[in-house]
Protein backbone atom coordinates (compact mmCIF):
# COMPACT_ATOMS: atom_id res chain seq x y z
CA MET A 1 43.63 7.91 -2.29
CA ALA A 2 40.42 5.90 -1.97
CA ARG A 3 40.08 2.18 -2.38
CA VAL A 4 36.31 2.57 -2.89
CA VAL A 5 34.84 5.27 -5.14
CA CYS A 6 31.09 5.85 -4.85
CA ILE A 7 28.85 7.67 -7.34
CA HIS A 8 25.46 9.00 -6.28
CA GLY A 9 22.22 9.09 -8.26
CA ILE A 10 19.47 11.59 -9.00
CA GLY A 11 18.05 14.14 -6.60
CA ARG A 12 21.29 14.92 -4.75
CA GLN A 13 21.85 18.49 -5.97
CA HIS A 14 21.44 19.93 -2.48
CA THR A 15 24.14 17.91 -0.77
CA GLY A 16 27.89 17.45 -1.32
CA GLU A 17 30.74 14.96 -1.38
CA ARG A 18 31.57 15.17 2.32
CA GLU A 19 27.96 14.87 3.41
CA LEU A 20 27.50 11.86 1.16
CA ARG A 21 30.61 10.17 2.50
CA GLY A 22 29.38 10.82 6.03
CA ALA A 23 26.34 8.65 5.27
CA TRP A 24 27.79 6.14 2.82
CA HIS A 25 30.98 5.21 4.71
CA PRO A 26 29.16 3.91 7.82
CA ALA A 27 26.66 2.04 5.63
CA LEU A 28 29.51 0.42 3.68
CA SER A 29 31.19 -0.54 6.95
CA ASP A 30 27.97 -2.06 8.28
CA GLY A 31 27.61 -4.07 5.08
CA LEU A 32 31.11 -5.44 5.58
CA THR A 33 30.18 -6.38 9.14
CA ARG A 34 27.01 -8.15 7.97
CA ALA A 35 29.13 -10.09 5.48
CA GLY A 36 31.62 -11.14 8.16
CA ALA A 37 34.37 -9.42 6.18
CA VAL A 38 37.87 -8.77 7.49
CA THR A 39 38.31 -5.61 5.43
CA ASP A 40 38.26 -2.42 7.48
CA LEU A 41 37.45 0.73 5.53
CA ALA A 42 38.68 3.97 7.06
CA ALA A 43 36.88 7.16 6.08
CA ASP A 44 39.78 8.07 3.79
CA ASP A 45 39.37 4.75 1.97
CA VAL A 46 36.02 5.95 0.61
CA ARG A 47 35.48 8.82 -1.78
CA CYS A 48 32.13 10.02 -3.05
CA VAL A 49 32.04 11.57 -6.51
CA PHE A 50 29.65 14.51 -6.40
CA TYR A 51 28.05 15.99 -9.50
CA GLY A 52 24.67 17.13 -8.17
CA ASP A 53 25.75 20.77 -8.32
CA LEU A 54 25.78 20.53 -12.12
CA PHE A 55 21.97 20.28 -11.94
CA ARG A 56 21.58 23.13 -9.46
CA PRO A 57 20.66 26.50 -10.98
CA PRO A 58 23.40 29.11 -10.43
CA GLY A 59 22.90 31.78 -7.86
CA ARG A 60 20.39 29.78 -5.81
CA THR A 61 20.61 28.87 -2.14
CA LEU A 62 19.08 25.95 -0.25
CA ALA A 63 16.65 28.29 1.47
CA LEU A 64 14.92 29.03 -1.82
CA GLY A 65 14.09 25.39 -2.49
CA ASP A 66 13.47 23.88 -5.88
CA PRO A 67 11.86 25.93 -8.64
CA PRO A 68 8.07 25.53 -8.88
CA LEU A 69 7.47 22.91 -11.58
CA ASP A 70 4.37 21.05 -12.68
CA ALA A 71 3.18 18.60 -15.33
CA SER A 72 3.63 21.16 -18.09
CA ASP A 73 7.37 21.12 -17.41
CA VAL A 74 7.71 17.42 -18.27
CA ALA A 75 9.15 17.39 -21.78
CA ASP A 76 7.71 15.21 -24.50
CA GLY A 77 9.80 12.24 -25.52
CA PHE A 78 12.37 10.97 -23.04
CA GLU A 79 10.99 12.57 -19.86
CA ALA A 80 7.37 11.60 -20.52
CA GLU A 81 8.32 8.05 -21.50
CA LEU A 82 10.45 7.53 -18.40
CA LEU A 83 7.70 8.96 -16.19
CA LEU A 84 5.16 6.53 -17.63
CA ALA A 85 7.59 3.64 -17.20
CA TRP A 86 8.01 4.56 -13.52
CA TRP A 87 4.22 4.70 -13.16
CA ALA A 88 3.74 1.26 -14.69
CA GLU A 89 6.42 -0.24 -12.42
CA ALA A 90 5.01 1.47 -9.33
CA ALA A 91 1.57 0.06 -10.13
CA ARG A 92 3.06 -3.41 -10.57
CA THR A 93 4.79 -3.36 -7.19
CA ASP A 94 2.40 -1.21 -5.12
CA GLY A 95 -1.25 -2.22 -4.91
CA THR A 96 -2.26 1.30 -3.87
CA VAL A 97 -1.21 2.75 -7.22
CA LEU A 98 -3.78 2.61 -9.99
CA PRO A 99 -2.18 1.25 -13.18
CA PRO A 100 -2.08 3.22 -16.41
CA ASP A 101 -4.48 2.08 -19.09
CA ALA A 102 -3.99 1.83 -22.84
CA ARG A 103 -5.24 5.35 -23.46
CA THR A 104 -2.86 6.74 -20.83
CA LEU A 105 0.13 5.25 -22.61
CA ALA A 106 -0.47 7.63 -25.51
CA ARG A 107 1.62 10.17 -23.52
CA THR A 108 -0.84 13.03 -23.62
CA PRO A 109 -0.52 15.99 -21.22
CA GLN A 110 -3.35 14.48 -19.18
CA ALA A 111 -1.42 11.22 -18.96
CA VAL A 112 1.62 13.05 -17.60
CA GLN A 113 -0.48 14.72 -14.91
CA ARG A 114 -2.11 11.41 -13.99
CA ALA A 115 1.28 9.76 -13.78
CA LEU A 116 2.62 12.47 -11.48
CA ASN A 117 -0.47 12.26 -9.30
CA ALA A 118 -0.24 8.47 -9.06
CA LEU A 119 3.46 8.45 -8.25
CA SER A 120 3.13 11.17 -5.63
CA ARG A 121 0.74 8.86 -3.75
CA SER A 122 2.89 5.74 -4.09
CA ARG A 123 4.98 4.28 -1.29
CA PHE A 124 8.10 4.61 -3.41
CA PHE A 125 7.82 8.35 -4.00
CA ALA A 126 6.23 9.15 -0.62
CA GLY A 127 7.44 12.54 0.55
CA VAL A 128 8.78 13.56 -2.87
CA ALA A 129 7.16 16.77 -4.07
CA LEU A 130 5.83 16.94 -7.63
CA ARG A 131 8.58 19.41 -8.53
CA GLY A 132 11.12 16.90 -7.23
CA LEU A 133 9.79 14.24 -9.58
CA VAL A 134 10.05 16.60 -12.53
CA LEU A 135 13.60 17.55 -11.58
CA ASP A 136 14.57 13.88 -11.30
CA LEU A 137 13.31 13.27 -14.84
CA ARG A 138 15.29 16.27 -16.07
CA GLN A 139 18.48 15.00 -14.46
CA VAL A 140 18.26 11.58 -16.11
CA ARG A 141 17.53 13.18 -19.49
CA GLY A 142 20.26 15.76 -18.95
CA TYR A 143 22.97 13.18 -18.35
CA LEU A 144 21.93 10.85 -21.16
CA CYS A 145 21.16 13.50 -23.77
CA ASP A 146 23.55 16.41 -23.08
CA PRO A 147 27.13 15.50 -24.15
CA ALA A 148 28.72 18.46 -22.34
CA LEU A 149 27.01 17.58 -19.07
CA ARG A 150 27.91 13.93 -19.50
CA ASP A 151 31.55 14.82 -20.07
CA ALA A 152 31.60 17.01 -16.96
CA VAL A 153 30.24 14.20 -14.79
CA GLN A 154 32.67 11.70 -16.29
CA GLN A 155 35.61 14.01 -15.61
CA ARG A 156 34.75 14.06 -11.92
CA VAL A 157 34.84 10.27 -11.84
CA ALA A 158 38.18 10.27 -13.62
CA ASP A 159 39.54 12.74 -11.06
CA ALA A 160 38.50 10.44 -8.18
CA VAL A 161 39.86 7.09 -9.40
CA THR A 162 43.54 6.45 -8.59
CA GLU A 163 45.95 3.55 -8.85
CA ARG A 164 44.68 2.39 -5.44
CA THR A 165 41.00 2.24 -6.39
CA ARG A 166 39.67 -1.30 -6.63
CA VAL A 167 35.90 -0.90 -6.10
CA VAL A 168 33.45 1.45 -7.80
CA VAL A 169 29.92 1.73 -6.42
CA GLY A 170 27.16 3.33 -8.48
CA HIS A 171 23.68 4.07 -7.15
CA SER A 172 20.74 4.82 -9.45
CA LEU A 173 21.92 7.13 -12.26
CA GLY A 174 25.37 6.78 -10.72
CA SER A 175 25.42 3.16 -11.88
CA VAL A 176 25.10 4.41 -15.47
CA VAL A 177 27.92 6.88 -14.86
CA ALA A 178 30.08 4.14 -13.33
CA TYR A 179 29.45 1.65 -16.13
CA GLU A 180 30.29 4.17 -18.84
CA ALA A 181 33.43 5.32 -17.06
CA LEU A 182 34.75 1.78 -16.65
CA CYS A 183 33.98 0.84 -20.24
CA ALA A 184 35.83 3.89 -21.53
CA ARG A 185 38.90 3.31 -19.32
CA PRO A 186 39.91 -0.36 -19.35
CA ASP A 187 43.35 0.61 -18.01
CA TRP A 188 41.93 1.51 -14.59
CA PRO A 189 42.85 -0.91 -11.75
CA VAL A 190 39.20 -1.32 -10.65
CA ARG A 191 38.31 -4.96 -9.99
CA THR A 192 34.77 -4.77 -8.63
CA LEU A 193 31.69 -2.87 -9.80
CA LEU A 194 28.73 -2.71 -7.41
CA THR A 195 25.52 -1.27 -8.87
CA LEU A 196 22.53 -0.43 -6.66
CA GLY A 197 18.98 0.34 -7.78
CA SER A 198 20.24 0.59 -11.34
CA PRO A 199 18.27 1.59 -14.46
CA LEU A 200 20.92 0.07 -16.75
CA GLY A 201 18.55 -2.65 -17.93
CA VAL A 202 15.92 -0.25 -19.29
CA ARG A 203 16.11 -0.59 -23.05
CA ASN A 204 15.42 2.36 -25.37
CA LEU A 205 15.56 4.96 -22.63
CA VAL A 206 18.84 3.98 -20.94
CA PHE A 207 20.60 0.90 -22.34
CA ASP A 208 20.45 1.98 -25.97
CA ARG A 209 21.87 5.41 -25.04
CA LEU A 210 24.93 4.11 -23.19
CA ARG A 211 28.27 5.57 -24.26
CA THR A 212 31.03 2.99 -23.91
CA GLY A 213 34.05 4.51 -25.62
CA PRO A 214 34.99 4.97 -29.28
CA THR A 215 34.99 1.25 -30.13
CA GLY A 216 32.50 -0.08 -27.58
CA SER A 217 28.78 -0.77 -27.61
CA PRO A 218 26.05 -1.09 -24.95
CA GLY A 219 26.29 -4.42 -23.17
CA ASP A 220 30.09 -4.61 -23.25
CA TRP A 221 31.80 -5.85 -20.11
CA PRO A 222 32.96 -2.84 -18.03
CA GLY A 223 36.68 -2.60 -18.66
CA SER A 224 39.07 -4.14 -16.14
CA VAL A 225 36.29 -5.26 -13.78
CA ARG A 226 36.49 -8.88 -12.67
CA HIS A 227 33.37 -8.98 -10.55
CA TRP A 228 30.09 -7.12 -11.07
CA THR A 229 27.31 -7.36 -8.48
CA ASN A 230 23.94 -5.72 -9.11
CA LEU A 231 21.49 -5.28 -6.21
CA ALA A 232 17.84 -4.34 -6.63
CA ASP A 233 14.89 -4.16 -4.25
CA ALA A 234 11.75 -5.74 -5.68
CA GLY A 235 9.90 -2.49 -5.05
CA ASP A 236 12.55 -0.19 -6.51
CA VAL A 237 10.78 1.66 -9.32
CA VAL A 238 13.98 3.18 -10.73
CA ALA A 239 15.46 -0.29 -11.17
CA LEU A 240 12.77 -1.22 -13.67
CA VAL A 241 14.71 -4.30 -14.80
CA LYS A 242 16.15 -6.23 -11.87
CA ASP A 243 18.11 -8.82 -13.85
CA LEU A 244 20.86 -7.31 -16.00
CA ARG A 245 22.19 -10.61 -17.35
CA PRO A 246 20.14 -10.70 -20.57
CA LEU A 247 21.81 -7.45 -21.65
CA PHE A 248 25.23 -7.60 -19.99
CA GLY A 249 25.99 -11.30 -19.77
CA GLU A 250 25.86 -14.14 -17.28
CA ARG A 251 28.88 -12.87 -15.35
CA VAL A 252 26.78 -10.18 -13.64
CA ARG A 253 25.66 -11.35 -10.20
CA CYS A 254 22.10 -10.08 -9.84
CA GLN A 255 20.56 -10.25 -6.37
CA VAL A 256 17.30 -9.00 -4.91
CA VAL A 257 17.49 -7.40 -1.46
CA HIS A 258 14.84 -6.00 0.87
CA ASN A 259 15.12 -2.34 1.84
CA GLY A 260 11.74 -1.90 3.47
CA ALA A 261 9.76 1.27 2.81
CA ARG A 262 12.82 3.07 1.36
CA ALA A 263 13.35 0.73 -1.54
CA HIS A 264 15.72 3.00 -3.47
CA ASP A 265 17.73 4.32 -0.53
CA ALA A 266 21.48 4.05 -1.16
CA THR A 267 22.44 3.41 2.47
CA ARG A 268 19.94 0.56 2.77
CA TYR A 269 21.57 -1.07 -0.22
CA LEU A 270 25.07 -0.47 1.12
CA ASN A 271 24.52 -1.93 4.58
CA THR A 272 23.41 -5.33 3.26
CA ALA A 273 25.57 -8.43 3.49
CA GLU A 274 25.36 -8.70 -0.30
CA ALA A 275 26.98 -5.29 -0.73
CA GLY A 276 29.56 -6.09 1.94
CA ARG A 277 30.61 -9.28 0.19
CA ALA A 278 31.06 -7.43 -3.11
CA VAL A 279 33.22 -4.71 -1.53
CA GLU A 280 35.26 -7.28 0.39
CA GLU A 281 35.89 -9.22 -2.79
CA GLY A 282 37.25 -6.17 -4.55
CA CYS A 283 39.48 -5.11 -1.66
CA ARG A 284 40.75 -8.65 -1.08
CA GLU A 285 42.19 -8.82 -4.59
CA THR A 286 44.50 -5.93 -3.76
CA GLY A 287 46.11 -7.83 -0.95
CA GLU A 288 44.95 -5.08 1.40
CA ALA A 289 42.21 -6.95 3.27
CA GLY A 290 42.36 -6.13 6.95
CA VAL A 291 44.43 -2.99 6.39
């Protein structure tokens, strides 16, 4: 039974829970070391919730790769708007990316193609194929707009959290999953929420679509959580809004970290002293520090 439950973000459909834990557990441990923490996390203390397979077409194997997608596969509405928001943020943080102009923001098919072209040349999305960008957009839309898919993801989180769980970590879209799960289940014993590269602060597209239980509303404090730390790299395009306090309250500790060229990388977030301090804080409240 894990003390720390971690939830991944977009683009992880070709991995799995054990592979993720193999990367995330050492990064978490390094973060604790950087923080000078006394908590020692064994591998069994960490569990990664995996839901990427829900986005993977049935009957496919890794050898076949992703389906061939292009600009025409970006749906009007949510997907196009999120793509353009990523483009604008990439241009703001990366001088090599030409910014969109007023005409581009009309969300025409040409604008979508220009956005994909610009992002594919940015530092942030370096190495990500165009089809990968389109699939990432689809995954965000799928979770936020498909109730059945959302319920399936949430069930996997519920299956992972036990009476021993004190820390929940959410990266990227996983931070949205984590927030919603904690809001809907205030009886959970979780004391610390750590969000990394989170899009929770993006109004209209994300914040206004949050599902927080039958009596809740977006911006509510996440259930039984006592401490919420949000980390964002200044160049993280997914984390369009770095400071969550205007929407979620002054209790959220919002900190900017520096992840180098891989601004959105989960392990680079996890191995920071800031992440280590947040995890230590949650484990310490259980009386299990040093176990």
